[in-house]
């Protein structure tokens, strides 16, 4: 192969690689630990927000996509705050064995940056703004699908009723040992066996039984 042909092959490879979609990256993350429960909020460059809650008894994860305009507002606020952080953004920290917060910020001139502090810490204005942005993102993401948190913590009992994602209502008529629930539709003669890991895909929300 001549030098010119080899150069063309290299250029073609570079162009193909450049056209490949880039994997989304984390813009910022907030990890809060309280006793044995850890809540993680992650904002990604593709506008995806992931909220996870993990403990010995709970294992909840929720994904939501925020609107482009809202994402740009959040991103600009995070970038502005990251650029104006003081040299000592955690000026006073009171240690807490039970609770801590970690912020991972991947924007700004000094990115990536990691800050760990207790809920009682004194933060400068810019770091406090980042904390508030991530909390606002968490709240907004969890409002996208009302009832999902309640469903994640649901301890089914016979007689409980739910609204199905495909429409219609169903009630629990039997519980398996592995926490699989057997649901019977109220409007048609149909039953469903729903394993714990399948609940979010089949059940929209919990509802009150009809009197």
Protein backbone atom coordinates (compact mmCIF):
# COMPACT_ATOMS: atom_id res chain seq x y z
CA UNK A 1 0.00 0.00 0.00
CA UNK A 2 1.36 3.39 -1.00
CA UNK A 3 1.77 6.23 1.50
CA UNK A 4 -1.10 8.14 -0.18
CA UNK A 5 -3.45 5.14 0.03
CA UNK A 6 -2.55 4.58 3.68
CA UNK A 7 -3.27 8.24 4.40
CA UNK A 8 -6.70 7.94 2.76
CA UNK A 9 -7.48 4.87 4.89
CA UNK A 10 -6.48 6.72 8.07
CA UNK A 11 -8.60 9.75 7.11
CA UNK A 12 -11.59 7.55 6.33
CA UNK A 13 -11.24 5.80 9.71
CA UNK A 14 -11.09 9.14 11.52
CA UNK A 15 -14.20 10.40 9.72
CA UNK A 16 -16.14 7.23 10.53
CA UNK A 17 -15.10 7.48 14.19
CA UNK A 18 -16.11 11.17 14.29
CA UNK A 19 -19.58 10.31 12.97
CA UNK A 20 -20.22 7.82 15.77
CA UNK A 21 -22.63 9.06 18.45
CA UNK A 22 -20.81 9.91 21.66
CA UNK A 23 -21.91 8.23 24.86
CA UNK A 24 -23.63 10.62 27.28
CA UNK A 25 -21.50 11.84 30.15
CA UNK A 26 -22.45 12.86 33.67
CA UNK A 27 -22.73 16.64 34.01
CA UNK A 28 -23.19 16.60 37.78
CA UNK A 29 -24.10 14.14 40.53
CA UNK A 30 -25.32 14.51 44.09
CA UNK A 31 -25.00 11.55 46.46
CA UNK A 32 -26.69 11.84 49.83
CA UNK A 33 -26.27 9.22 52.54
CA UNK A 34 -28.45 9.20 55.62
CA UNK A 35 -27.91 6.31 58.05
CA UNK A 36 -28.20 3.29 55.69
CA UNK A 37 -30.02 4.95 52.79
CA UNK A 38 -28.13 6.40 49.81
CA UNK A 39 -29.86 8.65 47.27
CA UNK A 40 -28.01 9.44 44.04
CA UNK A 41 -29.12 12.08 41.52
CA UNK A 42 -27.28 12.15 38.19
CA UNK A 43 -27.73 14.63 35.34
CA UNK A 44 -26.36 13.47 31.98
CA UNK A 45 -25.42 15.36 28.83
CA UNK A 46 -28.31 13.76 26.90
CA UNK A 47 -30.81 15.43 29.31
CA UNK A 48 -31.40 12.17 31.17
CA UNK A 49 -31.85 12.31 34.93
CA UNK A 50 -31.36 9.15 36.99
CA UNK A 51 -32.52 9.01 40.60
CA UNK A 52 -31.67 5.94 42.67
CA UNK A 53 -32.44 5.13 46.29
CA UNK A 54 -30.67 2.17 47.87
CA UNK A 55 -30.81 0.71 51.36
CA UNK A 56 -31.07 -2.68 53.03
CA UNK A 57 -34.83 -2.72 52.39
CA UNK A 58 -35.27 -0.55 49.25
CA UNK A 59 -33.82 -0.62 45.76
CA UNK A 60 -35.49 2.07 43.67
CA UNK A 61 -34.31 3.61 40.39
CA UNK A 62 -36.12 6.09 38.18
CA UNK A 63 -35.10 7.67 34.85
CA UNK A 64 -36.61 10.80 33.35
CA UNK A 65 -35.75 13.11 30.47
CA UNK A 66 -36.05 16.84 31.03
CA UNK A 67 -37.03 19.35 28.34
CA UNK A 68 -34.24 20.91 26.22
CA UNK A 69 -34.92 24.46 27.45
CA UNK A 70 -34.93 23.36 31.09
CA UNK A 71 -31.74 21.37 30.57
CA UNK A 72 -29.96 24.43 29.14
CA UNK A 73 -31.06 26.54 32.13
CA UNK A 74 -29.76 23.90 34.55
CA UNK A 75 -26.51 23.53 32.59
CA UNK A 76 -25.89 27.29 32.44
CA UNK A 77 -26.58 27.65 36.17
CA UNK A 78 -24.19 24.79 36.98
CA UNK A 79 -21.47 26.22 34.73
CA UNK A 80 -21.83 29.73 36.19
CA UNK A 81 -21.73 28.37 39.73
CA UNK A 82 -18.70 26.19 38.99
CA UNK A 83 -16.81 29.18 37.57
CA UNK A 84 -17.45 31.33 40.66
CA UNK A 85 -16.63 28.78 43.38
CA UNK A 86 -14.39 30.19 46.07
CA UNK A 87 -11.08 28.59 47.03
CA UNK A 88 -12.75 27.16 50.13
CA UNK A 89 -16.40 26.49 49.22
CA UNK A 90 -16.97 24.40 52.38
CA UNK A 91 -15.91 26.96 54.97
CA UNK A 92 -17.23 25.19 58.05
CA UNK A 93 -18.13 21.53 58.26
CA UNK A 94 -19.69 19.82 61.25
CA UNK A 95 -18.97 16.10 61.03
CA UNK A 96 -21.96 13.78 61.10
CA UNK A 97 -21.66 10.03 61.40
CA UNK A 98 -25.21 9.52 60.14
CA UNK A 99 -25.37 11.80 57.08
CA UNK A 100 -23.13 13.13 54.33
CA UNK A 101 -23.43 14.70 50.87
CA UNK A 102 -21.04 14.31 47.94
CA UNK A 103 -21.19 16.54 44.87
CA UNK A 104 -19.40 15.58 41.65
CA UNK A 105 -19.26 18.49 39.20
CA UNK A 106 -18.00 17.87 35.67
CA UNK A 107 -18.41 21.41 34.29
CA UNK A 108 -16.39 24.56 34.85
CA UNK A 109 -12.70 25.39 34.44
CA UNK A 110 -11.55 23.07 37.24
CA UNK A 111 -13.68 20.05 36.33
CA UNK A 112 -13.97 17.41 37.52
CA UNK A 113 -14.50 18.52 41.11
CA UNK A 114 -15.69 16.50 44.12
CA UNK A 115 -16.94 17.94 47.39
CA UNK A 116 -18.02 15.93 50.45
CA UNK A 117 -19.66 17.57 53.45
CA UNK A 118 -22.28 17.06 56.13
CA UNK A 119 -25.82 18.55 55.99
CA UNK A 120 -24.71 21.02 58.72
CA UNK A 121 -21.80 22.41 56.69
CA UNK A 122 -21.54 26.09 55.74
CA UNK A 123 -21.25 26.38 51.94
CA UNK A 124 -20.40 29.36 49.80
CA UNK A 125 -23.12 30.80 47.56
CA UNK A 126 -21.97 29.01 44.40
CA UNK A 127 -21.72 25.54 45.94
CA UNK A 128 -25.06 26.08 47.65
CA UNK A 129 -26.55 26.94 44.26
CA UNK A 130 -25.26 23.65 42.82
CA UNK A 131 -26.85 21.77 45.72
CA UNK A 132 -30.18 23.52 45.08
CA UNK A 133 -30.04 22.82 41.33
CA UNK A 134 -29.48 19.10 41.91
CA UNK A 135 -32.31 18.99 44.46
CA UNK A 136 -34.64 20.75 42.01
CA UNK A 137 -33.68 18.24 39.32
CA UNK A 138 -34.43 15.36 41.70
CA UNK A 139 -37.87 16.71 42.55
CA UNK A 140 -38.74 17.36 38.91
CA UNK A 141 -37.61 13.91 37.80
CA UNK A 142 -39.71 12.18 40.44
CA UNK A 143 -42.79 14.19 39.46
CA UNK A 144 -42.71 12.81 35.91
CA UNK A 145 -44.43 9.57 36.91
CA UNK A 146 -46.66 10.23 39.92
CA UNK A 147 -47.05 7.21 42.17
CA UNK A 148 -43.83 5.45 41.13
CA UNK A 149 -42.15 5.95 44.51
CA UNK A 150 -45.27 4.74 46.28
CA UNK A 151 -45.31 1.69 44.02
CA UNK A 152 -41.63 0.98 44.70
CA UNK A 153 -42.36 0.85 48.44
CA UNK A 154 -45.62 -1.06 48.08
CA UNK A 155 -46.13 -4.04 50.39
CA UNK A 156 -49.02 -5.82 48.61
CA UNK A 157 -51.97 -7.19 50.52
CA UNK A 158 -55.00 -9.10 49.29
CA UNK A 159 -57.64 -6.56 48.33
CA UNK A 160 -55.19 -3.83 47.22
CA UNK A 161 -56.15 -2.31 43.87
CA UNK A 162 -54.07 -0.76 41.10
CA UNK A 163 -54.50 1.09 37.83
CA UNK A 164 -52.83 -0.74 34.95
CA UNK A 165 -50.65 0.98 32.35
CA UNK A 166 -52.71 -0.58 29.56
CA UNK A 167 -55.89 0.80 31.15
CA UNK A 168 -58.38 -0.62 33.60
CA UNK A 169 -58.20 -1.53 37.26
CA UNK A 170 -57.18 -4.76 38.95
CA UNK A 171 -57.05 -6.00 42.53
CA UNK A 172 -54.77 -8.42 44.36
CA UNK A 173 -56.41 -11.81 44.87
CA UNK A 174 -53.35 -13.89 45.82
CA UNK A 175 -49.75 -13.43 46.99
CA UNK A 176 -46.92 -15.83 46.13
CA UNK A 177 -44.02 -16.48 48.53
CA UNK A 178 -41.61 -14.63 46.19
CA UNK A 179 -43.87 -11.51 46.39
CA UNK A 180 -45.40 -12.16 42.98
CA UNK A 181 -48.93 -10.76 43.02
CA UNK A 182 -51.93 -12.22 41.22
CA UNK A 183 -54.20 -9.45 39.95
CA UNK A 184 -57.78 -9.80 38.69
CA UNK A 185 -59.27 -7.19 36.38
CA UNK A 186 -62.48 -5.57 37.58
CA UNK A 187 -64.05 -5.07 34.15
CA UNK A 188 -63.18 -8.30 32.29
CA UNK A 189 -62.38 -11.89 33.23
CA UNK A 190 -58.60 -11.66 33.17
CA UNK A 191 -55.85 -12.27 35.72
CA UNK A 192 -52.18 -11.28 35.75
CA UNK A 193 -49.20 -12.73 37.60
CA UNK A 194 -46.82 -9.85 38.26
CA UNK A 195 -43.33 -10.45 39.66
CA UNK A 196 -41.78 -7.68 41.80
CA UNK A 197 -39.34 -6.67 39.07
CA UNK A 198 -42.20 -6.32 36.53
CA UNK A 199 -44.51 -4.12 38.60
CA UNK A 200 -43.37 -0.75 37.24
CA UNK A 201 -43.93 -1.90 33.66
CA UNK A 202 -47.47 -3.22 34.26
CA UNK A 203 -48.87 -1.13 37.13
CA UNK A 204 -49.32 2.63 36.75
CA UNK A 205 -50.27 3.48 40.32
CA UNK A 206 -52.07 2.30 43.43
CA UNK A 207 -55.75 3.22 43.76
CA UNK A 208 -58.41 2.95 46.42
CA UNK A 209 -60.71 -0.09 46.18
CA UNK A 210 -64.20 0.68 44.98
CA UNK A 211 -66.78 0.65 47.74
